[in-house]
Amino acid sequence: MDFSIRVIRADEWERAREIRLAALRDPVAHLAFLETYETAVRHPDSFWQERTEGASAAGGGTARQFVAEAADGRWVGTISLLVERPDDEVRFGEPAKVGQTHIVGVYVRPEARGTGVVDALFRAGIEWSWSLEEPVERVRLYVHEENARAAAFYRRFGFGATGQRVGVPGHETAMEVEYEVRRAS
């Protein structure tokens, strides 16, 4: 598959909404996302506009969303990263003890799976993390304990489980496992 990786632009909120809603319709979305399609589809346009601007290069630098864009212009995958600092409000999981980025919103359309899209998205996200003006020491993510396919990919990409586990909001018995990769010395 021919594709390129780039950061979203602030004016692409409708495309950002479309790929997010597609991700939330995926059969394993309940294992990969904390939000449901039913909740997301009700967000007003202003929500999507603010979210997209914040994750674009024009945003404040605390988030980035990358997309894999096919030769025909279609977005076939996405990854988002949130910058987390020790003084920041906790969004999910354990509070940041060091400067870090947090990978969220990983999605590749079914027809693009197995083509290298997810590898390219992860490379772009991690490279961006290491290039931040205020350095970060690690990149983290959480994976549902039953999402073995995603966990295997993360391990293959160099992530290791930290031993931290957090409950999934709204699901008393489900757990998310933290994985990380640290900056090479």
Protein backbone atom coordinates (compact mmCIF):
# COMPACT_ATOMS: atom_id res chain seq x y z
CA MET A 1 0.00 0.00 0.00
CA ASP A 2 1.28 3.45 -0.93
CA PHE A 3 0.80 5.94 1.90
CA SER A 4 2.46 8.87 3.63
CA ILE A 5 2.45 9.86 7.30
CA ARG A 6 1.70 13.42 8.34
CA VAL A 7 0.30 15.56 11.16
CA ILE A 8 -3.33 16.56 10.79
CA ARG A 9 -4.20 20.15 9.96
CA ALA A 10 -6.54 22.23 12.15
CA ASP A 11 -9.14 22.56 9.38
CA GLU A 12 -9.46 18.76 8.93
CA TRP A 13 -11.86 18.25 11.84
CA GLU A 14 -14.49 16.52 9.69
CA ARG A 15 -11.94 13.95 8.51
CA ALA A 16 -10.65 13.53 12.08
CA ARG A 17 -14.22 12.93 13.27
CA GLU A 18 -14.86 10.41 10.47
CA ILE A 19 -11.82 8.25 11.24
CA ARG A 20 -12.53 8.37 14.99
CA LEU A 21 -16.11 7.24 14.44
CA ALA A 22 -14.88 4.48 12.11
CA ALA A 23 -12.46 3.33 14.82
CA LEU A 24 -15.25 3.23 17.38
CA ARG A 25 -17.30 0.99 15.08
CA ASP A 26 -14.48 -1.55 14.82
CA PRO A 27 -15.34 -4.97 16.32
CA VAL A 28 -12.53 -4.69 18.92
CA ALA A 29 -13.22 -1.04 19.81
CA HIS A 30 -14.52 -2.10 23.22
CA LEU A 31 -11.00 -3.37 23.98
CA ALA A 32 -9.12 -0.46 22.43
CA PHE A 33 -11.04 2.71 23.27
CA LEU A 34 -12.55 4.12 26.43
CA GLU A 35 -15.21 5.99 24.45
CA THR A 36 -18.16 4.48 22.61
CA TYR A 37 -19.47 5.34 19.17
CA GLU A 38 -22.80 6.34 20.74
CA THR A 39 -21.07 8.94 22.92
CA ALA A 40 -18.70 10.26 20.24
CA VAL A 41 -21.32 10.71 17.54
CA ARG A 42 -23.22 13.12 19.81
CA HIS A 43 -20.28 15.52 20.21
CA PRO A 44 -20.98 18.90 18.58
CA ASP A 45 -18.86 20.19 15.71
CA SER A 46 -17.11 22.57 18.11
CA PHE A 47 -15.77 19.59 20.07
CA TRP A 48 -14.20 18.09 16.93
CA GLN A 49 -12.86 21.47 15.81
CA GLU A 50 -11.13 22.09 19.15
CA ARG A 51 -9.81 18.53 19.37
CA THR A 52 -8.40 18.66 15.85
CA GLU A 53 -6.81 22.06 16.27
CA GLY A 54 -5.21 20.98 19.55
CA ALA A 55 -3.64 17.91 17.93
CA SER A 56 -2.41 19.78 14.85
CA ALA A 57 0.90 21.59 14.41
CA ALA A 58 -1.04 24.81 15.09
CA GLY A 59 -2.09 23.52 18.52
CA GLY A 60 -0.36 24.22 21.79
CA GLY A 61 2.16 21.39 21.48
CA THR A 62 0.58 19.18 24.13
CA ALA A 63 -0.87 16.70 21.62
CA ARG A 64 -0.27 15.46 18.08
CA GLN A 65 -2.39 13.35 15.79
CA PHE A 66 -0.70 11.65 12.86
CA VAL A 67 -2.53 10.08 9.95
CA ALA A 68 -1.52 7.62 7.28
CA GLU A 69 -2.82 9.06 4.03
CA ALA A 70 -3.22 6.78 1.02
CA ALA A 71 -2.25 7.94 -2.47
CA ASP A 72 -5.93 8.75 -3.17
CA GLY A 73 -6.06 11.05 -0.09
CA ARG A 74 -8.03 8.64 2.10
CA TRP A 75 -6.94 8.39 5.73
CA VAL A 76 -6.20 4.73 6.41
CA GLY A 77 -4.80 4.99 9.92
CA THR A 78 -4.19 7.30 12.84
CA ILE A 79 -2.32 7.64 16.12
CA SER A 80 -2.48 10.39 18.72
CA LEU A 81 0.01 11.31 21.43
CA LEU A 82 -0.56 13.40 24.53
CA VAL A 83 2.33 15.14 26.30
CA GLU A 84 2.22 14.48 30.04
CA ARG A 85 4.31 16.24 32.66
CA PRO A 86 4.48 15.53 36.43
CA ASP A 87 2.46 18.67 37.24
CA ASP A 88 -0.30 17.94 34.70
CA GLU A 89 -3.80 16.75 35.48
CA VAL A 90 -4.08 12.97 35.15
CA ARG A 91 -6.17 11.95 32.11
CA PHE A 92 -5.89 8.18 32.56
CA GLY A 93 -3.73 5.81 34.53
CA GLU A 94 -0.95 6.73 36.90
CA PRO A 95 0.24 10.34 37.21
CA ALA A 96 3.35 11.15 35.19
CA LYS A 97 6.50 10.86 37.28
CA VAL A 98 8.67 12.12 34.39
CA GLY A 99 8.03 13.96 31.16
CA GLN A 100 6.38 11.49 28.80
CA THR A 101 4.04 11.11 25.90
CA HIS A 102 1.00 8.87 26.03
CA ILE A 103 -0.13 7.05 22.88
CA VAL A 104 -3.90 6.92 22.41
CA GLY A 105 -6.35 6.48 19.57
CA VAL A 106 -4.42 3.95 17.48
CA TYR A 107 -6.49 2.76 14.54
CA VAL A 108 -5.83 1.26 11.11
CA ARG A 109 -8.68 0.55 8.72
CA PRO A 110 -9.14 -3.18 8.02
CA GLU A 111 -8.05 -2.92 4.37
CA ALA A 112 -4.73 -1.31 5.43
CA ARG A 113 -3.83 -3.76 8.19
CA GLY A 114 -0.69 -5.78 7.60
CA THR A 115 0.73 -3.20 5.17
CA GLY A 116 3.14 -1.41 7.51
CA VAL A 117 0.79 1.49 8.28
CA VAL A 118 0.79 0.95 12.05
CA ASP A 119 4.59 0.61 12.13
CA ALA A 120 4.98 3.91 10.24
CA LEU A 121 2.48 5.65 12.53
CA PHE A 122 4.34 4.43 15.63
CA ARG A 123 7.70 5.52 14.20
CA ALA A 124 6.33 9.00 13.50
CA GLY A 125 4.78 9.31 16.96
CA ILE A 126 7.86 8.13 18.79
CA GLU A 127 10.18 10.31 16.69
CA TRP A 128 7.96 13.31 17.48
CA SER A 129 8.10 12.40 21.18
CA TRP A 130 11.90 12.34 21.21
CA SER A 131 12.08 15.64 19.29
CA LEU A 132 10.08 17.72 21.76
CA GLU A 133 11.78 20.94 22.83
CA GLU A 134 11.18 20.03 26.48
CA PRO A 135 12.45 16.42 26.42
CA VAL A 136 10.48 13.40 27.53
CA GLU A 137 11.99 10.27 29.04
CA ARG A 138 9.46 7.73 27.90
CA VAL A 139 6.47 6.96 25.71
CA ARG A 140 3.66 5.02 27.36
CA LEU A 141 0.38 3.45 26.38
CA TYR A 142 -2.24 1.24 27.92
CA VAL A 143 -3.61 -1.94 26.42
CA HIS A 144 -6.65 -3.89 27.56
CA GLU A 145 -5.53 -7.12 29.20
CA GLU A 146 -7.58 -9.14 26.67
CA ASN A 147 -6.15 -7.37 23.60
CA ALA A 148 -3.37 -9.88 22.93
CA ARG A 149 -2.92 -8.82 19.29
CA ALA A 150 -2.18 -5.20 20.25
CA ALA A 151 0.07 -6.25 23.14
CA ALA A 152 2.11 -8.46 20.79
CA PHE A 153 2.59 -5.55 18.39
CA TYR A 154 3.69 -3.21 21.18
CA ARG A 155 6.26 -5.75 22.41
CA ARG A 156 7.53 -6.25 18.85
CA PHE A 157 7.91 -2.48 18.57
CA GLY A 158 10.08 -2.37 21.71
CA PHE A 159 7.50 -1.60 24.39
CA GLY A 160 7.58 -3.53 27.64
CA ALA A 161 4.98 -3.96 30.36
CA THR A 162 5.76 -1.83 33.42
CA GLY A 163 3.70 -3.85 35.89
CA GLN A 164 1.23 -0.97 36.35
CA ARG A 165 -2.42 -1.90 35.86
CA VAL A 166 -5.49 0.32 36.05
CA GLY A 167 -9.18 -0.43 35.98
CA VAL A 168 -11.21 0.39 32.93
CA PRO A 169 -13.78 3.08 33.78
CA GLY A 170 -17.26 1.59 33.78
CA HIS A 171 -16.04 -2.04 33.81
CA GLU A 172 -15.31 -3.24 37.34
CA THR A 173 -13.31 -6.34 36.38
CA ALA A 174 -11.49 -5.17 33.24
CA MET A 175 -7.90 -3.99 33.47
CA GLU A 176 -5.55 -1.97 31.27
CA VAL A 177 -1.84 -2.81 31.35
CA GLU A 178 0.74 -0.03 30.98
CA TYR A 179 3.54 -0.47 28.44
CA GLU A 180 6.48 1.85 27.85
CA VAL A 181 9.53 2.47 25.76
CA ARG A 182 12.31 4.63 27.19
CA ARG A 183 14.56 7.06 25.36
CA ALA A 184 17.86 5.44 24.45
CA SER A 185 20.75 6.85 26.48
